[in-house]
Amino acid sequence: MNLQSETHWARELQFVVPCRCHGIVHQILDGEAVLYDRQSGRTHRMNQTALWIWQACDGRSTTRQLAERLTLAYDVPVDRALDDIEQSIAAFAQTDLVTAAEDQ
């Protein structure tokens, strides 16, 4: 499944299991994260919430489960959490930071 091509996959396909791509290393600097993709040589900056979402993409949890955990971690409504998950994972997929677990 190509996560980039699905505009609202987190809501419509809540069974999708996002997985971090291999070869990405991260470091926390001044409350933000810097991710480095060893394969492409690209770096990415993320705030604390985006890093939480990226790290939660474990290849086992569905987007719905991620949203439920985000709701608990940040005390936000589940609809907002699903929106945040959807937007973040779509952005991650565009930059090859995550893929669907079945694509691994």
PDB file of N, CA and C in Angstrom:
ATOM      1  N   MET A   1       0.845  -1.176   0.000  1.00  0.00           N
ATOM      2  CA  MET A   1       0.000   0.000   0.000  1.00  0.00           C
ATOM      3  C   MET A   1       0.884   1.230   0.000  1.00  0.00           C
ATOM      4  N   ASN A   2       0.619   2.136  -0.889  1.00  0.00           N
ATOM      5  CA  ASN A   2       1.370   3.377  -0.972  1.00  0.00           C
ATOM      6  C   ASN A   2       0.702   4.412  -0.085  1.00  0.00           C
ATOM      7  N   LEU A   3       1.317   4.741   1.037  1.00  0.00           N
ATOM      8  CA  LEU A   3       0.706   5.666   1.989  1.00  0.00           C
ATOM      9  C   LEU A   3       0.590   7.063   1.414  1.00  0.00           C
ATOM     10  N   GLN A   4       1.475   7.432   0.504  1.00  0.00           N
ATOM     11  CA  GLN A   4       1.453   8.769  -0.064  1.00  0.00           C
ATOM     12  C   GLN A   4       0.217   9.012  -0.925  1.00  0.00           C
ATOM     13  N   SER A   5      -0.304   7.977  -1.538  1.00  0.00           N
ATOM     14  CA  SER A   5      -1.404   8.159  -2.484  1.00  0.00           C
ATOM     15  C   SER A   5      -2.772   8.188  -1.813  1.00  0.00           C
ATOM     16  N   GLU A   6      -2.853   7.859  -0.553  1.00  0.00           N
ATOM     17  CA  GLU A   6      -4.128   7.846   0.161  1.00  0.00           C
ATOM     18  C   GLU A   6      -4.285   9.151   0.927  1.00  0.00           C
ATOM     19  N   THR A   7      -5.265   9.984   0.549  1.00  0.00           N
ATOM     20  CA  THR A   7      -5.389  11.291   1.175  1.00  0.00           C
ATOM     21  C   THR A   7      -5.979  11.225   2.575  1.00  0.00           C
ATOM     22  N   HIS A   8      -6.849  10.284   2.821  1.00  0.00           N
ATOM     23  CA  HIS A   8      -7.470  10.181   4.148  1.00  0.00           C
ATOM     24  C   HIS A   8      -7.421   8.744   4.633  1.00  0.00           C
ATOM     25  N   TRP A   9      -6.309   8.109   4.466  1.00  0.00           N
ATOM     26  CA  TRP A   9      -6.231   6.686   4.789  1.00  0.00           C
ATOM     27  C   TRP A   9      -6.359   6.409   6.267  1.00  0.00           C
ATOM     28  N   ALA A  10      -5.985   7.342   7.136  1.00  0.00           N
ATOM     29  CA  ALA A  10      -6.064   7.066   8.574  1.00  0.00           C
ATOM     30  C   ALA A  10      -7.521   6.917   9.019  1.00  0.00           C
ATOM     31  N   ARG A  11      -8.408   7.699   8.454  1.00  0.00           N
ATOM     32  CA  ARG A  11      -9.824   7.591   8.817  1.00  0.00           C
ATOM     33  C   ARG A  11     -10.493   6.416   8.114  1.00  0.00           C
ATOM     34  N   GLU A  12     -10.252   6.270   6.824  1.00  0.00           N
ATOM     35  CA  GLU A  12     -10.961   5.271   6.042  1.00  0.00           C
ATOM     36  C   GLU A  12     -10.369   3.872   6.204  1.00  0.00           C
ATOM     37  N   LEU A  13      -9.088   3.807   6.446  1.00  0.00           N
ATOM     38  CA  LEU A  13      -8.406   2.518   6.521  1.00  0.00           C
ATOM     39  C   LEU A  13      -7.699   2.402   7.864  1.00  0.00           C
ATOM     40  N   GLN A  14      -8.459   2.389   8.918  1.00  0.00           N
ATOM     41  CA  GLN A  14      -7.882   2.433  10.244  1.00  0.00           C
ATOM     42  C   GLN A  14      -7.133   1.153  10.608  1.00  0.00           C
ATOM     43  N   PHE A  15      -7.076   0.218   9.696  1.00  0.00           N
ATOM     44  CA  PHE A  15      -6.324  -1.002   9.915  1.00  0.00           C
ATOM     45  C   PHE A  15      -4.900  -0.888   9.385  1.00  0.00           C
ATOM     46  N   VAL A  16      -4.557   0.223   8.737  1.00  0.00           N
ATOM     47  CA  VAL A  16      -3.204   0.406   8.214  1.00  0.00           C
ATOM     48  C   VAL A  16      -2.218   0.386   9.371  1.00  0.00           C
ATOM     49  N   VAL A  17      -1.116  -0.282   9.153  1.00  0.00           N
ATOM     50  CA  VAL A  17      -0.093  -0.410  10.188  1.00  0.00           C
ATOM     51  C   VAL A  17       1.182   0.268   9.665  1.00  0.00           C
ATOM     52  N   PRO A  18       1.414   1.515  10.049  1.00  0.00           N
ATOM     53  CA  PRO A  18       2.617   2.203   9.572  1.00  0.00           C
ATOM     54  C   PRO A  18       3.863   1.702  10.295  1.00  0.00           C
ATOM     55  N   CYS A  19       4.955   1.699   9.562  1.00  0.00           N
ATOM     56  CA  CYS A  19       6.221   1.184  10.081  1.00  0.00           C
ATOM     57  C   CYS A  19       7.350   2.148   9.709  1.00  0.00           C
ATOM     58  N   ARG A  20       8.206   2.451  10.668  1.00  0.00           N
ATOM     59  CA  ARG A  20       9.367   3.292  10.381  1.00  0.00           C
ATOM     60  C   ARG A  20      10.246   2.595   9.351  1.00  0.00           C
ATOM     61  N   CYS A  21      10.792   3.363   8.437  1.00  0.00           N
ATOM     62  CA  CYS A  21      11.727   2.809   7.460  1.00  0.00           C
ATOM     63  C   CYS A  21      13.072   2.562   8.131  1.00  0.00           C
ATOM     64  N   HIS A  22      13.789   1.609   7.616  1.00  0.00           N
ATOM     65  CA  HIS A  22      15.100   1.247   8.166  1.00  0.00           C
ATOM     66  C   HIS A  22      16.136   2.312   7.804  1.00  0.00           C
ATOM     67  N   GLY A  23      17.163   2.405   8.604  1.00  0.00           N
ATOM     68  CA  GLY A  23      18.278   3.291   8.309  1.00  0.00           C
ATOM     69  C   GLY A  23      18.074   4.734   8.737  1.00  0.00           C
ATOM     70  N   ILE A  24      17.054   4.978   9.555  1.00  0.00           N
ATOM     71  CA  ILE A  24      16.799   6.337  10.053  1.00  0.00           C
ATOM     72  C   ILE A  24      17.314   6.414  11.489  1.00  0.00           C
ATOM     73  N   VAL A  25      18.151   7.380  11.759  1.00  0.00           N
ATOM     74  CA  VAL A  25      18.629   7.596  13.121  1.00  0.00           C
ATOM     75  C   VAL A  25      18.147   8.972  13.566  1.00  0.00           C
ATOM     76  N   HIS A  26      17.974   9.129  14.877  1.00  0.00           N
ATOM     77  CA  HIS A  26      17.491  10.419  15.367  1.00  0.00           C
ATOM     78  C   HIS A  26      18.237  10.842  16.620  1.00  0.00           C
ATOM     79  N   GLN A  27      18.204  12.153  16.830  1.00  0.00           N
ATOM     80  CA  GLN A  27      18.806  12.732  18.019  1.00  0.00           C
ATOM     81  C   GLN A  27      17.924  13.899  18.452  1.00  0.00           C
ATOM     82  N   ILE A  28      17.757  14.051  19.756  1.00  0.00           N
ATOM     83  CA  ILE A  28      16.966  15.153  20.312  1.00  0.00           C
ATOM     84  C   ILE A  28      17.895  16.332  20.565  1.00  0.00           C
ATOM     85  N   LEU A  29      17.519  17.492  20.042  1.00  0.00           N
ATOM     86  CA  LEU A  29      18.289  18.716  20.228  1.00  0.00           C
ATOM     87  C   LEU A  29      17.340  19.856  20.566  1.00  0.00           C
ATOM     88  N   ASP A  30      17.498  20.447  21.735  1.00  0.00           N
ATOM     89  CA  ASP A  30      16.683  21.600  22.136  1.00  0.00           C
ATOM     90  C   ASP A  30      15.185  21.370  21.966  1.00  0.00           C
ATOM     91  N   GLY A  31      14.697  20.204  22.370  1.00  0.00           N
ATOM     92  CA  GLY A  31      13.268  19.924  22.325  1.00  0.00           C
ATOM     93  C   GLY A  31      12.748  19.506  20.964  1.00  0.00           C
ATOM     94  N   GLU A  32      13.593  19.486  19.962  1.00  0.00           N
ATOM     95  CA  GLU A  32      13.217  19.008  18.645  1.00  0.00           C
ATOM     96  C   GLU A  32      14.063  17.790  18.303  1.00  0.00           C
ATOM     97  N   ALA A  33      13.607  17.068  17.316  1.00  0.00           N
ATOM     98  CA  ALA A  33      14.363  15.899  16.873  1.00  0.00           C
ATOM     99  C   ALA A  33      14.944  16.175  15.490  1.00  0.00           C
ATOM    100  N   VAL A  34      16.105  15.667  15.282  1.00  0.00           N
ATOM    101  CA  VAL A  34      16.720  15.686  13.964  1.00  0.00           C
ATOM    102  C   VAL A  34      16.862  14.232  13.541  1.00  0.00           C
ATOM    103  N   LEU A  35      16.247  13.890  12.411  1.00  0.00           N
ATOM    104  CA  LEU A  35      16.329  12.546  11.865  1.00  0.00           C
ATOM    105  C   LEU A  35      17.255  12.569  10.670  1.00  0.00           C
ATOM    106  N   TYR A  36      18.053  11.539  10.555  1.00  0.00           N
ATOM    107  CA  TYR A  36      18.975  11.421   9.430  1.00  0.00           C
ATOM    108  C   TYR A  36      18.716  10.097   8.729  1.00  0.00           C
ATOM    109  N   ASP A  37      18.461  10.180   7.435  1.00  0.00           N
ATOM    110  CA  ASP A  37      18.231   9.006   6.605  1.00  0.00           C
ATOM    111  C   ASP A  37      19.574   8.615   5.986  1.00  0.00           C
ATOM    112  N   ARG A  38      20.143   7.549   6.482  1.00  0.00           N
ATOM    113  CA  ARG A  38      21.465   7.114   6.008  1.00  0.00           C
ATOM    114  C   ARG A  38      21.475   6.774   4.523  1.00  0.00           C
ATOM    115  N   GLN A  39      20.366   6.255   4.032  1.00  0.00           N
ATOM    116  CA  GLN A  39      20.314   5.839   2.631  1.00  0.00           C
ATOM    117  C   GLN A  39      20.296   7.043   1.683  1.00  0.00           C
ATOM    118  N   SER A  40      19.458   8.033   1.971  1.00  0.00           N
ATOM    119  CA  SER A  40      19.339   9.181   1.067  1.00  0.00           C
ATOM    120  C   SER A  40      20.263  10.332   1.447  1.00  0.00           C
ATOM    121  N   GLY A  41      20.730  10.334   2.703  1.00  0.00           N
ATOM    122  CA  GLY A  41      21.558  11.432   3.176  1.00  0.00           C
ATOM    123  C   GLY A  41      20.757  12.661   3.588  1.00  0.00           C
ATOM    124  N   ARG A  42      19.430  12.543   3.614  1.00  0.00           N
ATOM    125  CA  ARG A  42      18.582  13.677   3.971  1.00  0.00           C
ATOM    126  C   ARG A  42      18.400  13.770   5.484  1.00  0.00           C
ATOM    127  N   THR A  43      18.232  14.995   5.965  1.00  0.00           N
ATOM    128  CA  THR A  43      17.906  15.225   7.369  1.00  0.00           C
ATOM    129  C   THR A  43      16.507  15.821   7.453  1.00  0.00           C
ATOM    130  N   HIS A  44      15.863  15.574   8.583  1.00  0.00           N
ATOM    131  CA  HIS A  44      14.499  16.043   8.814  1.00  0.00           C
ATOM    132  C   HIS A  44      14.417  16.562  10.245  1.00  0.00           C
ATOM    133  N   ARG A  45      13.717  17.669  10.445  1.00  0.00           N
ATOM    134  CA  ARG A  45      13.481  18.192  11.794  1.00  0.00           C
ATOM    135  C   ARG A  45      12.038  17.936  12.175  1.00  0.00           C
ATOM    136  N   MET A  46      11.829  17.575  13.425  1.00  0.00           N
ATOM    137  CA  MET A  46      10.484  17.293  13.931  1.00  0.00           C
ATOM    138  C   MET A  46      10.323  17.898  15.308  1.00  0.00           C
ATOM    139  N   ASN A  47       9.089  18.321  15.586  1.00  0.00           N
ATOM    140  CA  ASN A  47       8.798  18.733  16.951  1.00  0.00           C
ATOM    141  C   ASN A  47       8.536  17.487  17.792  1.00  0.00           C
ATOM    142  N   GLN A  48       8.289  17.690  19.052  1.00  0.00           N
ATOM    143  CA  GLN A  48       8.128  16.580  19.999  1.00  0.00           C
ATOM    144  C   GLN A  48       6.952  15.670  19.628  1.00  0.00           C
ATOM    145  N   THR A  49       5.841  16.252  19.207  1.00  0.00           N
ATOM    146  CA  THR A  49       4.659  15.454  18.854  1.00  0.00           C
ATOM    147  C   THR A  49       4.924  14.623  17.595  1.00  0.00           C
ATOM    148  N   ALA A  50       5.524  15.230  16.601  1.00  0.00           N
ATOM    149  CA  ALA A  50       5.832  14.493  15.369  1.00  0.00           C
ATOM    150  C   ALA A  50       6.792  13.341  15.660  1.00  0.00           C
ATOM    151  N   LEU A  51       7.776  13.572  16.521  1.00  0.00           N
ATOM    152  CA  LEU A  51       8.700  12.505  16.892  1.00  0.00           C
ATOM    153  C   LEU A  51       7.952  11.383  17.602  1.00  0.00           C
ATOM    154  N   TRP A  52       7.029  11.743  18.491  1.00  0.00           N
ATOM    155  CA  TRP A  52       6.232  10.735  19.197  1.00  0.00           C
ATOM    156  C   TRP A  52       5.498   9.860  18.184  1.00  0.00           C
ATOM    157  N   ILE A  53       4.859  10.502  17.195  1.00  0.00           N
ATOM    158  CA  ILE A  53       4.104   9.760  16.186  1.00  0.00           C
ATOM    159  C   ILE A  53       5.046   8.868  15.382  1.00  0.00           C
ATOM    160  N   TRP A  54       6.177   9.405  14.935  1.00  0.00           N
ATOM    161  CA  TRP A  54       7.121   8.617  14.144  1.00  0.00           C
ATOM    162  C   TRP A  54       7.627   7.406  14.932  1.00  0.00           C
ATOM    163  N   GLN A  55       7.982   7.614  16.178  1.00  0.00           N
ATOM    164  CA  GLN A  55       8.470   6.509  16.995  1.00  0.00           C
ATOM    165  C   GLN A  55       7.384   5.471  17.252  1.00  0.00           C
ATOM    166  N   ALA A  56       6.126   5.902  17.294  1.00  0.00           N
ATOM    167  CA  ALA A  56       5.014   4.981  17.549  1.00  0.00           C
ATOM    168  C   ALA A  56       4.707   4.096  16.333  1.00  0.00           C
ATOM    169  N   CYS A  57       5.218   4.449  15.161  1.00  0.00           N
ATOM    170  CA  CYS A  57       5.004   3.647  13.952  1.00  0.00           C
ATOM    171  C   CYS A  57       5.878   2.406  14.042  1.00  0.00           C
ATOM    172  N   ASP A  58       5.390   1.424  14.775  1.00  0.00           N
ATOM    173  CA  ASP A  58       6.194   0.246  15.130  1.00  0.00           C
ATOM    174  C   ASP A  58       5.956  -0.962  14.231  1.00  0.00           C
ATOM    175  N   GLY A  59       5.090  -0.816  13.238  1.00  0.00           N
ATOM    176  CA  GLY A  59       4.811  -1.946  12.361  1.00  0.00           C
ATOM    177  C   GLY A  59       3.842  -2.953  12.951  1.00  0.00           C
ATOM    178  N   ARG A  60       3.328  -2.674  14.142  1.00  0.00           N
ATOM    179  CA  ARG A  60       2.365  -3.563  14.802  1.00  0.00           C
ATOM    180  C   ARG A  60       1.066  -2.841  15.145  1.00  0.00           C
ATOM    181  N   SER A  61       1.139  -1.547  15.365  1.00  0.00           N
ATOM    182  CA  SER A  61      -0.030  -0.774  15.807  1.00  0.00           C
ATOM    183  C   SER A  61      -0.747  -0.161  14.613  1.00  0.00           C
ATOM    184  N   THR A  62      -2.072  -0.256  14.638  1.00  0.00           N
ATOM    185  CA  THR A  62      -2.880   0.370  13.589  1.00  0.00           C
ATOM    186  C   THR A  62      -2.934   1.872  13.825  1.00  0.00           C
ATOM    187  N   THR A  63      -3.380   2.588  12.802  1.00  0.00           N
ATOM    188  CA  THR A  63      -3.512   4.035  12.952  1.00  0.00           C
ATOM    189  C   THR A  63      -4.522   4.385  14.046  1.00  0.00           C
ATOM    190  N   ARG A  64      -5.545   3.593  14.171  1.00  0.00           N
ATOM    191  CA  ARG A  64      -6.534   3.822  15.226  1.00  0.00           C
ATOM    192  C   ARG A  64      -5.886   3.655  16.611  1.00  0.00           C
ATOM    193  N   GLN A  65      -5.081   2.618  16.771  1.00  0.00           N
ATOM    194  CA  GLN A  65      -4.392   2.415  18.046  1.00  0.00           C
ATOM    195  C   GLN A  65      -3.412   3.560  18.333  1.00  0.00           C
ATOM    196  N   LEU A  66      -2.725   4.030  17.298  1.00  0.00           N
ATOM    197  CA  LEU A  66      -1.822   5.163  17.483  1.00  0.00           C
ATOM    198  C   LEU A  66      -2.588   6.398  17.936  1.00  0.00           C
ATOM    199  N   ALA A  67      -3.742   6.637  17.326  1.00  0.00           N
ATOM    200  CA  ALA A  67      -4.559   7.793  17.701  1.00  0.00           C
ATOM    201  C   ALA A  67      -5.033   7.680  19.141  1.00  0.00           C
ATOM    202  N   GLU A  68      -5.430   6.489  19.558  1.00  0.00           N
ATOM    203  CA  GLU A  68      -5.872   6.303  20.942  1.00  0.00           C
ATOM    204  C   GLU A  68      -4.739   6.577  21.928  1.00  0.00           C
ATOM    205  N   ARG A  69      -3.529   6.128  21.590  1.00  0.00           N
ATOM    206  CA  ARG A  69      -2.385   6.403  22.465  1.00  0.00           C
ATOM    207  C   ARG A  69      -2.009   7.883  22.455  1.00  0.00           C
ATOM    208  N   LEU A  70      -2.117   8.520  21.286  1.00  0.00           N
ATOM    209  CA  LEU A  70      -1.828   9.957  21.198  1.00  0.00           C
ATOM    210  C   LEU A  70      -2.817  10.745  22.045  1.00  0.00           C
ATOM    211  N   THR A  71      -4.076  10.300  22.040  1.00  0.00           N
ATOM    212  CA  THR A  71      -5.110  10.940  22.860  1.00  0.00           C
ATOM    213  C   THR A  71      -4.726  10.908  24.336  1.00  0.00           C
ATOM    214  N   LEU A  72      -4.222   9.789  24.796  1.00  0.00           N
ATOM    215  CA  LEU A  72      -3.814   9.664  26.195  1.00  0.00           C
ATOM    216  C   LEU A  72      -2.548  10.461  26.500  1.00  0.00           C
ATOM    217  N   ALA A  73      -1.605  10.430  25.580  1.00  0.00           N
ATOM    218  CA  ALA A  73      -0.321  11.102  25.802  1.00  0.00           C
ATOM    219  C   ALA A  73      -0.445  12.620  25.793  1.00  0.00           C
ATOM    220  N   TYR A  74      -1.327  13.158  24.938  1.00  0.00           N
ATOM    221  CA  TYR A  74      -1.419  14.605  24.772  1.00  0.00           C
ATOM    222  C   TYR A  74      -2.775  15.183  25.148  1.00  0.00           C
ATOM    223  N   ASP A  75      -3.666  14.364  25.695  1.00  0.00           N
ATOM    224  CA  ASP A  75      -4.976  14.835  26.142  1.00  0.00           C
ATOM    225  C   ASP A  75      -5.704  15.630  25.054  1.00  0.00           C
ATOM    226  N   VAL A  76      -5.838  14.999  23.881  1.00  0.00           N
ATOM    227  CA  VAL A  76      -6.570  15.593  22.765  1.00  0.00           C
ATOM    228  C   VAL A  76      -7.697  14.651  22.373  1.00  0.00           C
ATOM    229  N   PRO A  77      -8.764  15.175  21.750  1.00  0.00           N
ATOM    230  CA  PRO A  77      -9.856  14.304  21.299  1.00  0.00           C
ATOM    231  C   PRO A  77      -9.367  13.337  20.219  1.00  0.00           C
ATOM    232  N   VAL A  78     -10.007  12.190  20.126  1.00  0.00           N
ATOM    233  CA  VAL A  78      -9.575  11.161  19.191  1.00  0.00           C
ATOM    234  C   VAL A  78      -9.657  11.638  17.741  1.00  0.00           C
ATOM    235  N   ASP A  79     -10.651  12.453  17.388  1.00  0.00           N
ATOM    236  CA  ASP A  79     -10.738  12.975  16.019  1.00  0.00           C
ATOM    237  C   ASP A  79      -9.530  13.836  15.682  1.00  0.00           C
ATOM    238  N   ARG A  80      -9.130  14.654  16.619  1.00  0.00           N
ATOM    239  CA  ARG A  80      -7.927  15.490  16.408  1.00  0.00           C
ATOM    240  C   ARG A  80      -6.689  14.603  16.316  1.00  0.00           C
ATOM    241  N   ALA A  81      -6.613  13.596  17.155  1.00  0.00           N
ATOM    242  CA  ALA A  81      -5.479  12.675  17.121  1.00  0.00           C
ATOM    243  C   ALA A  81      -5.408  11.959  15.773  1.00  0.00           C
ATOM    244  N   LEU A  82      -6.556  11.514  15.255  1.00  0.00           N
ATOM    245  CA  LEU A  82      -6.573  10.862  13.940  1.00  0.00           C
ATOM    246  C   LEU A  82      -6.110  11.809  12.847  1.00  0.00           C
ATOM    247  N   ASP A  83      -6.538  13.074  12.921  1.00  0.00           N
ATOM    248  CA  ASP A  83      -6.079  14.065  11.947  1.00  0.00           C
ATOM    249  C   ASP A  83      -4.567  14.249  12.026  1.00  0.00           C
ATOM    250  N   ASP A  84      -4.053  14.372  13.245  1.00  0.00           N
ATOM    251  CA  ASP A  84      -2.612  14.547  13.427  1.00  0.00           C
ATOM    252  C   ASP A  84      -1.838  13.335  12.916  1.00  0.00           C
ATOM    253  N   ILE A  85      -2.343  12.145  13.225  1.00  0.00           N
ATOM    254  CA  ILE A  85      -1.708  10.916  12.764  1.00  0.00           C
ATOM    255  C   ILE A  85      -1.710  10.891  11.234  1.00  0.00           C
ATOM    256  N   GLU A  86      -2.865  11.167  10.636  1.00  0.00           N
ATOM    257  CA  GLU A  86      -3.004  11.140   9.182  1.00  0.00           C
ATOM    258  C   GLU A  86      -2.035  12.108   8.512  1.00  0.00           C
ATOM    259  N   GLN A  87      -2.033  13.342   8.965  1.00  0.00           N
ATOM    260  CA  GLN A  87      -1.171  14.348   8.350  1.00  0.00           C
ATOM    261  C   GLN A  87       0.310  14.021   8.537  1.00  0.00           C
ATOM    262  N   SER A  88       0.661  13.603   9.720  1.00  0.00           N
ATOM    263  CA  SER A  88       2.065  13.301   9.996  1.00  0.00           C
ATOM    264  C   SER A  88       2.551  12.109   9.184  1.00  0.00           C
ATOM    265  N   ILE A  89       1.785  11.032   9.182  1.00  0.00           N
ATOM    266  CA  ILE A  89       2.228   9.833   8.480  1.00  0.00           C
ATOM    267  C   ILE A  89       2.263  10.060   6.977  1.00  0.00           C
ATOM    268  N   ALA A  90       1.322  10.833   6.445  1.00  0.00           N
ATOM    269  CA  ALA A  90       1.375  11.164   5.018  1.00  0.00           C
ATOM    270  C   ALA A  90       2.653  11.930   4.701  1.00  0.00           C
ATOM    271  N   ALA A  91       3.016  12.880   5.561  1.00  0.00           N
ATOM    272  CA  ALA A  91       4.260  13.632   5.363  1.00  0.00           C
ATOM    273  C   ALA A  91       5.472  12.720   5.508  1.00  0.00           C
ATOM    274  N   PHE A  92       5.440  11.834   6.492  1.00  0.00           N
ATOM    275  CA  PHE A  92       6.545  10.891   6.681  1.00  0.00           C
ATOM    276  C   PHE A  92       6.695   9.991   5.452  1.00  0.00           C
ATOM    277  N   ALA A  93       5.581   9.535   4.903  1.00  0.00           N
ATOM    278  CA  ALA A  93       5.626   8.647   3.735  1.00  0.00           C
ATOM    279  C   ALA A  93       6.225   9.367   2.530  1.00  0.00           C
ATOM    280  N   GLN A  94       5.914  10.634   2.369  1.00  0.00           N
ATOM    281  CA  GLN A  94       6.451  11.394   1.241  1.00  0.00           C
ATOM    282  C   GLN A  94       7.958  11.532   1.315  1.00  0.00           C
ATOM    283  N   THR A  95       8.507  11.494   2.506  1.00  0.00           N
ATOM    284  CA  THR A  95       9.952  11.640   2.675  1.00  0.00           C
ATOM    285  C   THR A  95      10.621  10.316   3.044  1.00  0.00           C
ATOM    286  N   ASP A  96       9.909   9.222   2.833  1.00  0.00           N
ATOM    287  CA  ASP A  96      10.442   7.867   3.058  1.00  0.00           C
ATOM    288  C   ASP A  96      10.875   7.608   4.503  1.00  0.00           C
ATOM    289  N   LEU A  97      10.128   8.178   5.443  1.00  0.00           N
ATOM    290  CA  LEU A  97      10.390   7.901   6.852  1.00  0.00           C
ATOM    291  C   LEU A  97       9.533   6.769   7.380  1.00  0.00           C
ATOM    292  N   VAL A  98       8.376   6.508   6.733  1.00  0.00           N
ATOM    293  CA  VAL A  98       7.513   5.379   7.094  1.00  0.00           C
ATOM    294  C   VAL A  98       6.986   4.721   5.820  1.00  0.00           C
ATOM    295  N   THR A  99       6.514   3.508   6.013  1.00  0.00           N
ATOM    296  CA  THR A  99       5.852   2.758   4.961  1.00  0.00           C
ATOM    297  C   THR A  99       4.771   1.919   5.633  1.00  0.00           C
ATOM    298  N   ALA A 100       3.915   1.317   4.842  1.00  0.00           N
ATOM    299  CA  ALA A 100       2.926   0.389   5.403  1.00  0.00           C
ATOM    300  C   ALA A 100       3.675  -0.892   5.769  1.00  0.00           C
ATOM    301  N   ALA A 101       3.320  -1.497   6.902  1.00  0.00           N
ATOM    302  CA  ALA A 101       4.027  -2.684   7.388  1.00  0.00           C
ATOM    303  C   ALA A 101       4.069  -3.798   6.353  1.00  0.00           C
ATOM    304  N   GLU A 102       3.019  -3.951   5.563  1.00  0.00           N
ATOM    305  CA  GLU A 102       3.006  -5.030   4.568  1.00  0.00           C
ATOM    306  C   GLU A 102       3.991  -4.779   3.438  1.00  0.00           C
ATOM    307  N   ASP A 103       4.487  -3.526   3.321  1.00  0.00           N
ATOM    308  CA  ASP A 103       5.470  -3.198   2.286  1.00  0.00           C
ATOM    309  C   ASP A 103       6.884  -3.555   2.704  1.00  0.00           C
ATOM    310  N   GLN A 104       7.076  -3.921   3.977  1.00  0.00           N
ATOM    311  CA  GLN A 104       8.419  -4.220   4.493  1.00  0.00           C
ATOM    312  C   GLN A 104       8.928  -5.534   3.977  1.00  0.00           C
TER     313      GLN A 104
END
